[in-house]
PDB file of N, CA and C in Angstrom:
ATOM      1  N   SER A   1     -10.641   4.173  -3.507  1.00  0.00           N
ATOM      2  CA  SER A   1     -10.033   2.853  -3.869  1.00  0.00           C
ATOM      3  C   SER A   1      -9.671   2.192  -2.549  1.00  0.00           C
ATOM      4  N   HIS A   2     -10.124   1.128  -2.378  1.00  0.00           N
ATOM      5  CA  HIS A   2      -9.865   0.263  -1.103  1.00  0.00           C
ATOM      6  C   HIS A   2      -9.013  -1.007  -1.479  1.00  0.00           C
ATOM      7  N   ALA A   3      -7.754  -0.796  -1.012  1.00  0.00           N
ATOM      8  CA  ALA A   3      -6.711  -2.119  -1.022  1.00  0.00           C
ATOM      9  C   ALA A   3      -6.504  -2.449  -2.422  1.00  0.00           C
ATOM     10  N   VAL A   4      -6.168  -1.444  -3.238  1.00  0.00           N
ATOM     11  CA  VAL A   4      -5.707  -1.780  -4.649  1.00  0.00           C
ATOM     12  C   VAL A   4      -4.305  -1.491  -4.955  1.00  0.00           C
ATOM     13  N   ILE A   5      -3.893  -0.391  -4.271  1.00  0.00           N
ATOM     14  CA  ILE A   5      -2.465   0.042  -4.571  1.00  0.00           C
ATOM     15  C   ILE A   5      -1.317  -0.912  -4.488  1.00  0.00           C
ATOM     16  N   GLU A   6      -1.556  -1.794  -3.535  1.00  0.00           N
ATOM     17  CA  GLU A   6      -0.462  -2.876  -3.145  1.00  0.00           C
ATOM     18  C   GLU A   6      -0.559  -3.996  -4.288  1.00  0.00           C
ATOM     19  N   HIS A   7      -1.580  -3.967  -5.226  1.00  0.00           N
ATOM     20  CA  HIS A   7      -1.692  -4.867  -6.250  1.00  0.00           C
ATOM     21  C   HIS A   7      -1.333  -4.369  -7.778  1.00  0.00           C
ATOM     22  N   VAL A   8      -0.754  -3.230  -7.815  1.00  0.00           N
ATOM     23  CA  VAL A   8      -0.587  -2.707  -9.128  1.00  0.00           C
ATOM     24  C   VAL A   8       0.828  -2.801  -9.620  1.00  0.00           C
ATOM     25  N   GLY A   9       1.676  -3.457  -8.744  1.00  0.00           N
ATOM     26  CA  GLY A   9       2.970  -3.754  -9.158  1.00  0.00           C
ATOM     27  C   GLY A   9       4.043  -2.849  -8.467  1.00  0.00           C
ATOM     28  N   ASN A  10       5.144  -2.407  -9.153  1.00  0.00           N
ATOM     29  CA  ASN A  10       6.176  -1.864  -8.399  1.00  0.00           C
ATOM     30  C   ASN A  10       5.940  -0.363  -8.160  1.00  0.00           C
ATOM     31  N   ARG A  11       6.776   0.336  -7.716  1.00  0.00           N
ATOM     32  CA  ARG A  11       6.729   1.663  -7.164  1.00  0.00           C
ATOM     33  C   ARG A  11       6.263   2.536  -8.282  1.00  0.00           C
ATOM     34  N   GLU A  12       6.853   2.535  -9.322  1.00  0.00           N
ATOM     35  CA  GLU A  12       6.461   3.274 -10.521  1.00  0.00           C
ATOM     36  C   GLU A  12       5.058   3.095 -10.841  1.00  0.00           C
ATOM     37  N   ASN A  13       4.452   1.841 -10.791  1.00  0.00           N
ATOM     38  CA  ASN A  13       3.107   1.560 -11.069  1.00  0.00           C
ATOM     39  C   ASN A  13       2.246   2.300 -10.081  1.00  0.00           C
ATOM     40  N   GLN A  14       2.690   2.144  -8.767  1.00  0.00           N
ATOM     41  CA  GLN A  14       1.973   2.781  -7.697  1.00  0.00           C
ATOM     42  C   GLN A  14       1.785   4.153  -7.803  1.00  0.00           C
ATOM     43  N   LYS A  15       2.950   4.889  -8.375  1.00  0.00           N
ATOM     44  CA  LYS A  15       2.960   6.318  -8.522  1.00  0.00           C
ATOM     45  C   LYS A  15       1.950   6.582  -9.552  1.00  0.00           C
ATOM     46  N   LYS A  16       1.881   5.842 -10.724  1.00  0.00           N
ATOM     47  CA  LYS A  16       0.986   5.862 -11.937  1.00  0.00           C
ATOM     48  C   LYS A  16      -0.473   5.764 -11.369  1.00  0.00           C
ATOM     49  N   PHE A  17      -0.630   4.871 -10.600  1.00  0.00           N
ATOM     50  CA  PHE A  17      -1.901   4.657  -9.959  1.00  0.00           C
ATOM     51  C   PHE A  17      -2.524   5.912  -9.221  1.00  0.00           C
ATOM     52  N   ILE A  18      -1.639   6.430  -8.477  1.00  0.00           N
ATOM     53  CA  ILE A  18      -2.086   7.702  -7.660  1.00  0.00           C
ATOM     54  C   ILE A  18      -2.376   8.786  -8.687  1.00  0.00           C
ATOM     55  N   LEU A  19      -1.451   8.936  -9.545  1.00  0.00           N
ATOM     56  CA  LEU A  19      -1.858  10.146 -10.531  1.00  0.00           C
ATOM     57  C   LEU A  19      -3.044   9.899 -11.358  1.00  0.00           C
ATOM     58  N   GLU A  20      -3.295   8.622 -11.640  1.00  0.00           N
ATOM     59  CA  GLU A  20      -4.539   8.388 -12.307  1.00  0.00           C
ATOM     60  C   GLU A  20      -5.818   8.580 -11.446  1.00  0.00           C
ATOM     61  N   LEU A  21      -5.813   8.331 -10.127  1.00  0.00           N
ATOM     62  CA  LEU A  21      -6.726   8.684  -9.172  1.00  0.00           C
ATOM     63  C   LEU A  21      -6.962  10.057  -9.073  1.00  0.00           C
ATOM     64  N   ILE A  22      -5.935  10.925  -9.049  1.00  0.00           N
ATOM     65  CA  ILE A  22      -5.946  12.400  -9.092  1.00  0.00           C
ATOM     66  C   ILE A  22      -6.644  12.872 -10.527  1.00  0.00           C
ATOM     67  N   ARG A  23      -6.263  12.293 -11.555  1.00  0.00           N
ATOM     68  CA  ARG A  23      -6.577  12.749 -12.752  1.00  0.00           C
ATOM     69  C   ARG A  23      -8.162  12.578 -12.946  1.00  0.00           C
ATOM     70  N   VAL A  24      -8.731  11.509 -12.391  1.00  0.00           N
ATOM     71  CA  VAL A  24     -10.255  11.337 -12.653  1.00  0.00           C
ATOM     72  C   VAL A  24     -10.998  11.924 -11.429  1.00  0.00           C
ATOM     73  N   SER A  25     -10.410  12.413 -10.443  1.00  0.00           N
ATOM     74  CA  SER A  25     -11.200  12.912  -9.214  1.00  0.00           C
ATOM     75  C   SER A  25     -11.652  14.283  -9.579  1.00  0.00           C
ATOM     76  N   ARG A  26     -12.712  14.571  -8.925  1.00  0.00           N
ATOM     77  CA  ARG A  26     -13.294  15.919  -8.988  1.00  0.00           C
ATOM     78  C   ARG A  26     -12.852  16.875  -7.770  1.00  0.00           C
ATOM     79  N   TYR A  27     -12.919  16.120  -6.580  1.00  0.00           N
ATOM     80  CA  TYR A  27     -12.546  17.026  -5.387  1.00  0.00           C
ATOM     81  C   TYR A  27     -11.435  16.476  -4.594  1.00  0.00           C
ATOM     82  N   GLY A  28     -11.149  15.228  -4.852  1.00  0.00           N
ATOM     83  CA  GLY A  28      -9.953  14.759  -4.092  1.00  0.00           C
ATOM     84  C   GLY A  28      -9.858  13.270  -4.196  1.00  0.00           C
ATOM     85  N   VAL A  29      -8.890  12.686  -3.431  1.00  0.00           N
ATOM     86  CA  VAL A  29      -8.723  11.178  -3.498  1.00  0.00           C
ATOM     87  C   VAL A  29      -8.737  10.596  -2.130  1.00  0.00           C
ATOM     88  N   PHE A  30      -9.226   9.393  -2.161  1.00  0.00           N
ATOM     89  CA  PHE A  30      -9.271   8.596  -0.758  1.00  0.00           C
ATOM     90  C   PHE A  30      -8.970   7.235  -1.116  1.00  0.00           C
ATOM     91  N   PHE A  31      -7.941   6.724  -0.681  1.00  0.00           N
ATOM     92  CA  PHE A  31      -7.520   5.339  -0.837  1.00  0.00           C
ATOM     93  C   PHE A  31      -7.027   4.719   0.499  1.00  0.00           C
ATOM     94  N   THR A  32      -7.094   3.316   0.551  1.00  0.00           N
ATOM     95  CA  THR A  32      -6.545   2.717   1.691  1.00  0.00           C
ATOM     96  C   THR A  32      -5.639   1.510   1.150  1.00  0.00           C
ATOM     97  N   THR A  33      -4.853   0.992   2.164  1.00  0.00           N
ATOM     98  CA  THR A  33      -4.016  -0.052   1.671  1.00  0.00           C
ATOM     99  C   THR A  33      -3.730  -0.757   3.038  1.00  0.00           C
ATOM    100  N   PRO A  34      -3.479  -2.027   3.142  1.00  0.00           N
ATOM    101  CA  PRO A  34      -2.966  -2.736   4.459  1.00  0.00           C
ATOM    102  C   PRO A  34      -1.581  -2.101   4.721  1.00  0.00           C
ATOM    103  N   ASN A  35      -1.294  -1.948   6.062  1.00  0.00           N
ATOM    104  CA  ASN A  35      -0.175  -1.471   6.374  1.00  0.00           C
ATOM    105  C   ASN A  35       0.926  -2.643   6.672  1.00  0.00           C
ATOM    106  N   ARG A  36       1.972  -2.503   6.006  1.00  0.00           N
ATOM    107  CA  ARG A  36       3.030  -3.697   6.120  1.00  0.00           C
ATOM    108  C   ARG A  36       3.441  -3.821   7.634  1.00  0.00           C
ATOM    109  N   ILE A  37       3.409  -2.727   8.453  1.00  0.00           N
ATOM    110  CA  ILE A  37       4.085  -2.913   9.788  1.00  0.00           C
ATOM    111  C   ILE A  37       2.941  -3.813  10.560  1.00  0.00           C
ATOM    112  N   HIS A  38       1.790  -4.175  10.207  1.00  0.00           N
ATOM    113  CA  HIS A  38       0.864  -5.009  10.982  1.00  0.00           C
ATOM    114  C   HIS A  38       1.629  -6.642  11.023  1.00  0.00           C
ATOM    115  N   PRO A  39       1.659  -7.080  12.206  1.00  0.00           N
ATOM    116  CA  PRO A  39       2.268  -8.538  12.110  1.00  0.00           C
ATOM    117  C   PRO A  39       1.732  -9.610  11.397  1.00  0.00           C
ATOM    118  N   LEU A  40       0.423  -9.327  11.031  1.00  0.00           N
ATOM    119  CA  LEU A  40      -0.474 -10.347  10.243  1.00  0.00           C
ATOM    120  C   LEU A  40      -0.447  -9.746   8.782  1.00  0.00           C
ATOM    121  N   GLU A  41      -0.056 -10.637   7.704  1.00  0.00           N
ATOM    122  CA  GLU A  41      -0.224 -10.096   6.460  1.00  0.00           C
ATOM    123  C   GLU A  41      -1.473 -10.684   6.005  1.00  0.00           C
ATOM    124  N   PHE A  42      -2.560  -9.749   5.857  1.00  0.00           N
ATOM    125  CA  PHE A  42      -3.876 -10.042   5.630  1.00  0.00           C
ATOM    126  C   PHE A  42      -4.317 -10.941   4.242  1.00  0.00           C
ATOM    127  N   HIS A  43      -3.320 -10.749   3.182  1.00  0.00           N
ATOM    128  CA  HIS A  43      -3.627 -11.470   1.950  1.00  0.00           C
ATOM    129  C   HIS A  43      -3.414 -12.919   2.242  1.00  0.00           C
ATOM    130  N   THR A  44      -2.291 -13.236   2.745  1.00  0.00           N
ATOM    131  CA  THR A  44      -1.916 -14.568   3.001  1.00  0.00           C
ATOM    132  C   THR A  44      -2.463 -15.251   4.225  1.00  0.00           C
ATOM    133  N   GLY A  45      -2.530 -14.490   5.270  1.00  0.00           N
ATOM    134  CA  GLY A  45      -3.052 -14.833   6.588  1.00  0.00           C
ATOM    135  C   GLY A  45      -1.715 -15.328   7.212  1.00  0.00           C
ATOM    136  N   PHE A  46      -0.579 -15.176   6.605  1.00  0.00           N
ATOM    137  CA  PHE A  46       0.811 -15.538   7.400  1.00  0.00           C
ATOM    138  C   PHE A  46       1.243 -14.340   8.398  1.00  0.00           C
ATOM    139  N   PRO A  47       1.676 -14.782   9.488  1.00  0.00           N
ATOM    140  CA  PRO A  47       2.157 -13.695  10.515  1.00  0.00           C
ATOM    141  C   PRO A  47       3.783 -13.546  10.259  1.00  0.00           C
ATOM    142  N   LEU A  48       4.111 -12.442  10.249  1.00  0.00           N
ATOM    143  CA  LEU A  48       5.640 -11.958  10.381  1.00  0.00           C
ATOM    144  C   LEU A  48       6.528 -12.182   9.119  1.00  0.00           C
ATOM    145  N   PHE A  49       6.170 -13.078   8.227  1.00  0.00           N
ATOM    146  CA  PHE A  49       7.122 -13.362   7.073  1.00  0.00           C
ATOM    147  C   PHE A  49       7.484 -12.160   6.366  1.00  0.00           C
ATOM    148  N   HIS A  50       6.431 -11.094   6.326  1.00  0.00           N
ATOM    149  CA  HIS A  50       6.584  -9.975   5.346  1.00  0.00           C
ATOM    150  C   HIS A  50       7.494  -8.903   6.059  1.00  0.00           C
ATOM    151  N   TYR A  51       7.909  -9.308   7.404  1.00  0.00           N
ATOM    152  CA  TYR A  51       8.980  -8.382   7.932  1.00  0.00           C
ATOM    153  C   TYR A  51      10.488  -8.907   7.388  1.00  0.00           C
ATOM    154  N   LEU A  52      10.443 -10.054   6.769  1.00  0.00           N
ATOM    155  CA  LEU A  52      11.889 -10.419   6.277  1.00  0.00           C
ATOM    156  C   LEU A  52      12.210  -9.672   4.973  1.00  0.00           C
ATOM    157  N   PRO A  53      13.347  -9.850   4.558  1.00  0.00           N
ATOM    158  CA  PRO A  53      13.694  -9.141   3.302  1.00  0.00           C
ATOM    159  C   PRO A  53      12.682  -9.712   2.156  1.00  0.00           C
ATOM    160  N   ILE A  54      12.414  -8.733   1.278  1.00  0.00           N
ATOM    161  CA  ILE A  54      11.245  -9.138   0.298  1.00  0.00           C
ATOM    162  C   ILE A  54      11.643 -10.370  -0.582  1.00  0.00           C
ATOM    163  N   ASP A  55      12.751 -10.587  -0.999  1.00  0.00           N
ATOM    164  CA  ASP A  55      13.030 -11.774  -1.809  1.00  0.00           C
ATOM    165  C   ASP A  55      12.897 -13.032  -0.862  1.00  0.00           C
ATOM    166  N   ILE A  56      13.247 -13.027   0.278  1.00  0.00           N
ATOM    167  CA  ILE A  56      12.894 -14.081   1.213  1.00  0.00           C
ATOM    168  C   ILE A  56      11.468 -14.510   1.473  1.00  0.00           C
ATOM    169  N   THR A  57      10.667 -13.304   1.717  1.00  0.00           N
ATOM    170  CA  THR A  57       9.423 -13.373   1.734  1.00  0.00           C
ATOM    171  C   THR A  57       8.590 -13.969   0.586  1.00  0.00           C
ATOM    172  N   ARG A  58       9.132 -13.587  -0.458  1.00  0.00           N
ATOM    173  CA  ARG A  58       8.445 -14.208  -1.823  1.00  0.00           C
ATOM    174  C   ARG A  58       8.570 -15.675  -2.043  1.00  0.00           C
ATOM    175  N   LYS A  59      10.008 -16.067  -1.640  1.00  0.00           N
ATOM    176  CA  LYS A  59      10.329 -17.469  -1.685  1.00  0.00           C
ATOM    177  C   LYS A  59       9.384 -18.266  -0.686  1.00  0.00           C
ATOM    178  N   ILE A  60       9.196 -17.793   0.451  1.00  0.00           N
ATOM    179  CA  ILE A  60       8.434 -18.354   1.543  1.00  0.00           C
ATOM    180  C   ILE A  60       6.953 -18.522   1.051  1.00  0.00           C
ATOM    181  N   TYR A  61       6.342 -17.468   0.576  1.00  0.00           N
ATOM    182  CA  TYR A  61       5.124 -17.488   0.043  1.00  0.00           C
ATOM    183  C   TYR A  61       4.851 -18.509  -0.980  1.00  0.00           C
ATOM    184  N   LYS A  62       5.658 -18.590  -1.923  1.00  0.00           N
ATOM    185  CA  LYS A  62       5.625 -19.546  -3.055  1.00  0.00           C
ATOM    186  C   LYS A  62       5.804 -20.925  -2.531  1.00  0.00           C
ATOM    187  N   LYS A  63       6.648 -21.327  -1.569  1.00  0.00           N
ATOM    188  CA  LYS A  63       6.840 -22.584  -0.953  1.00  0.00           C
ATOM    189  C   LYS A  63       5.517 -22.959  -0.146  1.00  0.00           C
ATOM    190  N   LEU A  64       4.756 -21.986   0.349  1.00  0.00           N
ATOM    191  CA  LEU A  64       3.667 -22.313   1.243  1.00  0.00           C
ATOM    192  C   LEU A  64       2.359 -22.297   0.416  1.00  0.00           C
ATOM    193  N   GLY A  65       2.607 -22.248  -0.853  1.00  0.00           N
ATOM    194  CA  GLY A  65       1.236 -22.352  -1.763  1.00  0.00           C
ATOM    195  C   GLY A  65       0.563 -21.033  -2.170  1.00  0.00           C
ATOM    196  N   LYS A  66       1.308 -19.845  -1.834  1.00  0.00           N
ATOM    197  CA  LYS A  66       0.727 -18.574  -1.930  1.00  0.00           C
ATOM    198  C   LYS A  66       1.597 -17.860  -3.230  1.00  0.00           C
ATOM    199  N   GLU A  67       1.502 -18.705  -4.327  1.00  0.00           N
ATOM    200  CA  GLU A  67       2.396 -18.371  -5.415  1.00  0.00           C
ATOM    201  C   GLU A  67       1.817 -16.913  -5.958  1.00  0.00           C
ATOM    202  N   PHE A  68       0.607 -16.665  -6.150  1.00  0.00           N
ATOM    203  CA  PHE A  68       0.057 -15.531  -6.546  1.00  0.00           C
ATOM    204  C   PHE A  68       0.585 -14.208  -5.864  1.00  0.00           C
ATOM    205  N   TYR A  69       0.746 -14.394  -4.475  1.00  0.00           N
ATOM    206  CA  TYR A  69       1.292 -13.203  -3.785  1.00  0.00           C
ATOM    207  C   TYR A  69       2.725 -13.128  -3.649  1.00  0.00           C
ATOM    208  N   SER A  70       3.313 -14.059  -4.336  1.00  0.00           N
ATOM    209  CA  SER A  70       4.855 -14.198  -4.242  1.00  0.00           C
ATOM    210  C   SER A  70       5.580 -13.287  -5.281  1.00  0.00           C
ATOM    211  N   THR A  71       4.668 -12.529  -6.139  1.00  0.00           N
ATOM    212  CA  THR A  71       5.335 -11.663  -7.080  1.00  0.00           C
ATOM    213  C   THR A  71       5.044 -10.259  -6.794  1.00  0.00           C
ATOM    214  N   GLU A  72       5.991  -9.292  -7.240  1.00  0.00           N
ATOM    215  CA  GLU A  72       5.709  -7.908  -7.006  1.00  0.00           C
ATOM    216  C   GLU A  72       4.522  -7.406  -7.694  1.00  0.00           C
ATOM    217  N   GLU A  73       4.139  -7.997  -8.937  1.00  0.00           N
ATOM    218  CA  GLU A  73       3.122  -7.583  -9.723  1.00  0.00           C
ATOM    219  C   GLU A  73       1.655  -7.611  -8.894  1.00  0.00           C
ATOM    220  N   ASN A  74       1.637  -8.827  -8.058  1.00  0.00           N
ATOM    221  CA  ASN A  74       0.443  -9.179  -7.435  1.00  0.00           C
ATOM    222  C   ASN A  74       0.381  -8.597  -5.898  1.00  0.00           C
ATOM    223  N   LEU A  75       1.510  -8.338  -5.246  1.00  0.00           N
ATOM    224  CA  LEU A  75       1.520  -7.896  -3.951  1.00  0.00           C
ATOM    225  C   LEU A  75       2.784  -7.093  -3.621  1.00  0.00           C
ATOM    226  N   ASN A  76       2.726  -5.869  -3.349  1.00  0.00           N
ATOM    227  CA  ASN A  76       3.842  -4.916  -3.004  1.00  0.00           C
ATOM    228  C   ASN A  76       3.279  -4.060  -1.802  1.00  0.00           C
ATOM    229  N   LEU A  77       3.350  -4.508  -0.670  1.00  0.00           N
ATOM    230  CA  LEU A  77       2.896  -3.789   0.525  1.00  0.00           C
ATOM    231  C   LEU A  77       3.711  -2.490   0.776  1.00  0.00           C
ATOM    232  N   LEU A  78       3.105  -1.755   1.550  1.00  0.00           N
ATOM    233  CA  LEU A  78       3.579  -0.470   1.907  1.00  0.00           C
ATOM    234  C   LEU A  78       3.568  -0.257   3.235  1.00  0.00           C
ATOM    235  N   PHE A  79       4.553   0.768   3.641  1.00  0.00           N
ATOM    236  CA  PHE A  79       4.524   1.335   5.034  1.00  0.00           C
ATOM    237  C   PHE A  79       4.023   2.791   4.836  1.00  0.00           C
ATOM    238  N   SER A  80       3.556   3.421   5.867  1.00  0.00           N
ATOM    239  CA  SER A  80       3.142   4.734   5.805  1.00  0.00           C
ATOM    240  C   SER A  80       4.301   5.702   5.211  1.00  0.00           C
ATOM    241  N   ALA A  81       5.533   5.283   5.669  1.00  0.00           N
ATOM    242  CA  ALA A  81       6.803   6.181   5.113  1.00  0.00           C
ATOM    243  C   ALA A  81       6.816   5.932   3.635  1.00  0.00           C
ATOM    244  N   ASP A  82       6.600   4.779   3.116  1.00  0.00           N
ATOM    245  CA  ASP A  82       6.564   4.503   1.542  1.00  0.00           C
ATOM    246  C   ASP A  82       5.607   5.431   0.892  1.00  0.00           C
ATOM    247  N   LEU A  83       4.542   5.565   1.440  1.00  0.00           N
ATOM    248  CA  LEU A  83       3.383   6.511   0.817  1.00  0.00           C
ATOM    249  C   LEU A  83       3.862   7.871   0.855  1.00  0.00           C
ATOM    250  N   ARG A  84       4.250   8.228   2.109  1.00  0.00           N
ATOM    251  CA  ARG A  84       4.740   9.633   2.090  1.00  0.00           C
ATOM    252  C   ARG A  84       5.811   9.928   1.139  1.00  0.00           C
ATOM    253  N   LYS A  85       6.807   9.049   0.966  1.00  0.00           N
ATOM    254  CA  LYS A  85       7.828   9.280   0.094  1.00  0.00           C
ATOM    255  C   LYS A  85       7.270   9.425  -1.402  1.00  0.00           C
ATOM    256  N   ILE A  86       6.431   8.471  -1.801  1.00  0.00           N
ATOM    257  CA  ILE A  86       5.873   8.407  -3.086  1.00  0.00           C
ATOM    258  C   ILE A  86       5.188   9.882  -3.313  1.00  0.00           C
ATOM    259  N   LEU A  87       4.298  10.290  -2.405  1.00  0.00           N
ATOM    260  CA  LEU A  87       3.569  11.553  -2.634  1.00  0.00           C
ATOM    261  C   LEU A  87       4.552  12.743  -2.662  1.00  0.00           C
ATOM    262  N   ASN A  88       5.540  12.653  -1.917  1.00  0.00           N
ATOM    263  CA  ASN A  88       6.472  13.769  -1.929  1.00  0.00           C
ATOM    264  C   ASN A  88       7.228  13.643  -3.410  1.00  0.00           C
ATOM    265  N   GLU A  89       7.588  12.564  -3.741  1.00  0.00           N
ATOM    266  CA  GLU A  89       8.202  12.439  -5.061  1.00  0.00           C
ATOM    267  C   GLU A  89       7.265  13.087  -6.228  1.00  0.00           C
ATOM    268  N   LEU A  90       5.955  12.652  -6.067  1.00  0.00           N
ATOM    269  CA  LEU A  90       5.006  13.164  -7.132  1.00  0.00           C
ATOM    270  C   LEU A  90       4.735  14.785  -6.826  1.00  0.00           C
ATOM    271  N   LYS A  91       5.412  15.258  -5.840  1.00  0.00           N
ATOM    272  CA  LYS A  91       5.154  16.741  -5.482  1.00  0.00           C
ATOM    273  C   LYS A  91       3.894  16.994  -5.100  1.00  0.00           C
ATOM    274  N   ILE A  92       3.116  16.123  -4.475  1.00  0.00           N
ATOM    275  CA  ILE A  92       1.843  16.279  -3.979  1.00  0.00           C
ATOM    276  C   ILE A  92       1.812  16.905  -2.463  1.00  0.00           C
ATOM    277  N   ALA A  93       1.451  17.955  -2.233  1.00  0.00           N
ATOM    278  CA  ALA A  93       1.627  18.769  -1.065  1.00  0.00           C
ATOM    279  C   ALA A  93       0.529  18.658  -0.094  1.00  0.00           C
ATOM    280  N   ASN A  94      -0.697  18.555  -0.627  1.00  0.00           N
ATOM    281  CA  ASN A  94      -1.989  18.654   0.196  1.00  0.00           C
ATOM    282  C   ASN A  94      -2.473  17.272   0.396  1.00  0.00           C
ATOM    283  N   TYR A  95      -2.026  16.486   1.293  1.00  0.00           N
ATOM    284  CA  TYR A  95      -2.329  15.084   1.684  1.00  0.00           C
ATOM    285  C   TYR A  95      -2.383  14.968   3.138  1.00  0.00           C
ATOM    286  N   LYS A  96      -3.115  13.900   3.554  1.00  0.00           N
ATOM    287  CA  LYS A  96      -3.107  13.369   4.847  1.00  0.00           C
ATOM    288  C   LYS A  96      -3.070  11.839   4.994  1.00  0.00           C
ATOM    289  N   ILE A  97      -2.302  11.345   5.824  1.00  0.00           N
ATOM    290  CA  ILE A  97      -2.047   9.857   6.036  1.00  0.00           C
ATOM    291  C   ILE A  97      -2.453   9.705   7.473  1.00  0.00           C
ATOM    292  N   GLU A  98      -3.398   8.592   7.611  1.00  0.00           N
ATOM    293  CA  GLU A  98      -3.837   8.056   8.729  1.00  0.00           C
ATOM    294  C   GLU A  98      -3.847   6.682   9.080  1.00  0.00           C
ATOM    295  N   SER A  99      -3.961   6.012  10.181  1.00  0.00           N
ATOM    296  CA  SER A  99      -3.939   4.573  10.319  1.00  0.00           C
ATOM    297  C   SER A  99      -5.079   4.144  10.942  1.00  0.00           C
ATOM    298  N   ILE A 100      -5.483   3.012  10.693  1.00  0.00           N
ATOM    299  CA  ILE A 100      -6.577   2.229  11.346  1.00  0.00           C
ATOM    300  C   ILE A 100      -5.885   1.255  12.178  1.00  0.00           C
ATOM    301  N   PHE A 101      -6.319   1.094  13.387  1.00  0.00           N
ATOM    302  CA  PHE A 101      -5.689   0.026  14.217  1.00  0.00           C
ATOM    303  C   PHE A 101      -6.586  -1.168  14.450  1.00  0.00           C
ATOM    304  N   TRP A 102      -5.910  -2.412  14.507  1.00  0.00           N
ATOM    305  CA  TRP A 102      -6.561  -3.745  14.800  1.00  0.00           C
ATOM    306  C   TRP A 102      -5.684  -4.511  15.516  1.00  0.00           C
ATOM    307  N   SER A 103      -6.172  -4.902  16.767  1.00  0.00           N
ATOM    308  CA  SER A 103      -5.316  -5.779  17.715  1.00  0.00           C
ATOM    309  C   SER A 103      -3.965  -4.985  18.198  1.00  0.00           C
ATOM    310  N   GLY A 104      -4.316  -3.701  18.257  1.00  0.00           N
ATOM    311  CA  GLY A 104      -3.185  -2.912  19.013  1.00  0.00           C
ATOM    312  C   GLY A 104      -2.191  -2.409  17.936  1.00  0.00           C
ATOM    313  N   PHE A 105      -2.250  -2.739  16.538  1.00  0.00           N
ATOM    314  CA  PHE A 105      -1.205  -2.458  15.516  1.00  0.00           C
ATOM    315  C   PHE A 105      -1.912  -1.676  14.494  1.00  0.00           C
ATOM    316  N   PRO A 106      -1.191  -0.728  13.844  1.00  0.00           N
ATOM    317  CA  PRO A 106      -1.729  -0.102  12.600  1.00  0.00           C
ATOM    318  C   PRO A 106      -1.981  -1.079  11.391  1.00  0.00           C
ATOM    319  N   SER A 107      -3.298  -1.395  11.265  1.00  0.00           N
ATOM    320  CA  SER A 107      -3.556  -2.396  10.267  1.00  0.00           C
ATOM    321  C   SER A 107      -3.661  -1.864   8.879  1.00  0.00           C
ATOM    322  N   ASN A 108      -4.315  -0.681   8.733  1.00  0.00           N
ATOM    323  CA  ASN A 108      -4.605  -0.130   7.368  1.00  0.00           C
ATOM    324  C   ASN A 108      -4.188   1.231   7.401  1.00  0.00           C
ATOM    325  N   ILE A 109      -3.854   1.730   6.109  1.00  0.00           N
ATOM    326  CA  ILE A 109      -3.332   3.125   6.004  1.00  0.00           C
ATOM    327  C   ILE A 109      -4.456   3.811   5.206  1.00  0.00           C
ATOM    328  N   ILE A 110      -4.843   4.931   5.571  1.00  0.00           N
ATOM    329  CA  ILE A 110      -5.762   5.827   4.828  1.00  0.00           C
ATOM    330  C   ILE A 110      -4.949   6.996   4.280  1.00  0.00           C
ATOM    331  N   VAL A 111      -5.196   7.218   2.932  1.00  0.00           N
ATOM    332  CA  VAL A 111      -4.482   8.425   2.401  1.00  0.00           C
ATOM    333  C   VAL A 111      -5.653   9.284   1.839  1.00  0.00           C
ATOM    334  N   ARG A 112      -5.511  10.545   2.146  1.00  0.00           N
ATOM    335  CA  ARG A 112      -6.599  11.596   1.546  1.00  0.00           C
ATOM    336  C   ARG A 112      -5.739  12.573   0.818  1.00  0.00           C
ATOM    337  N   ILE A 113      -5.927  12.732  -0.334  1.00  0.00           N
ATOM    338  CA  ILE A 113      -5.281  13.828  -1.207  1.00  0.00           C
ATOM    339  C   ILE A 113      -6.366  14.792  -1.571  1.00  0.00           C
ATOM    340  N   TYR A 114      -6.150  16.034  -1.224  1.00  0.00           N
ATOM    341  CA  TYR A 114      -7.029  17.273  -1.494  1.00  0.00           C
ATOM    342  C   TYR A 114      -6.526  18.007  -2.678  1.00  0.00           C
ATOM    343  N   THR A 115      -7.413  17.900  -3.800  1.00  0.00           N
ATOM    344  CA  THR A 115      -7.008  18.307  -5.033  1.00  0.00           C
ATOM    345  C   THR A 115      -7.801  19.674  -5.437  1.00  0.00           C
ATOM    346  N   ASN A 116      -8.976  19.734  -4.789  1.00  0.00           N
ATOM    347  CA  ASN A 116      -9.815  21.001  -5.210  1.00  0.00           C
ATOM    348  C   ASN A 116     -10.565  21.462  -3.817  1.00  0.00           C
ATOM    349  N   ILE A 117      -9.744  22.091  -3.221  1.00  0.00           N
ATOM    350  CA  ILE A 117     -10.290  22.741  -2.026  1.00  0.00           C
ATOM    351  C   ILE A 117     -11.048  23.876  -2.221  1.00  0.00           C
ATOM    352  N   THR A 118     -12.250  23.885  -1.800  1.00  0.00           N
ATOM    353  CA  THR A 118     -13.222  25.298  -2.080  1.00  0.00           C
ATOM    354  C   THR A 118     -13.446  25.897  -0.675  1.00  0.00           C
TER     355      THR A 118
END
């Protein structure tokens, strides 16, 4: 799954999404998401606004004509630490989180969940 988890809504929906990926997988799960730590928010093209508290960020997006991305249902960005916390809450032990770098910053997060190691 590439760049989907940030579009499924709140944290509970993100957990359900991961569990569904695991349920339908045969050997494991591989997914990516933009890294919230990167100074450029790739969906909107705006720099730095996503560093502000989320309620302020959403208001700014709405005022600047990015209403679709101003709701949690359509954009809920993650840090690596958020994914680590979700995976630990789901009691998923065998996973790896990596980063891809662009312009010197971690731009994307890659998550691998190993479900059937032979």
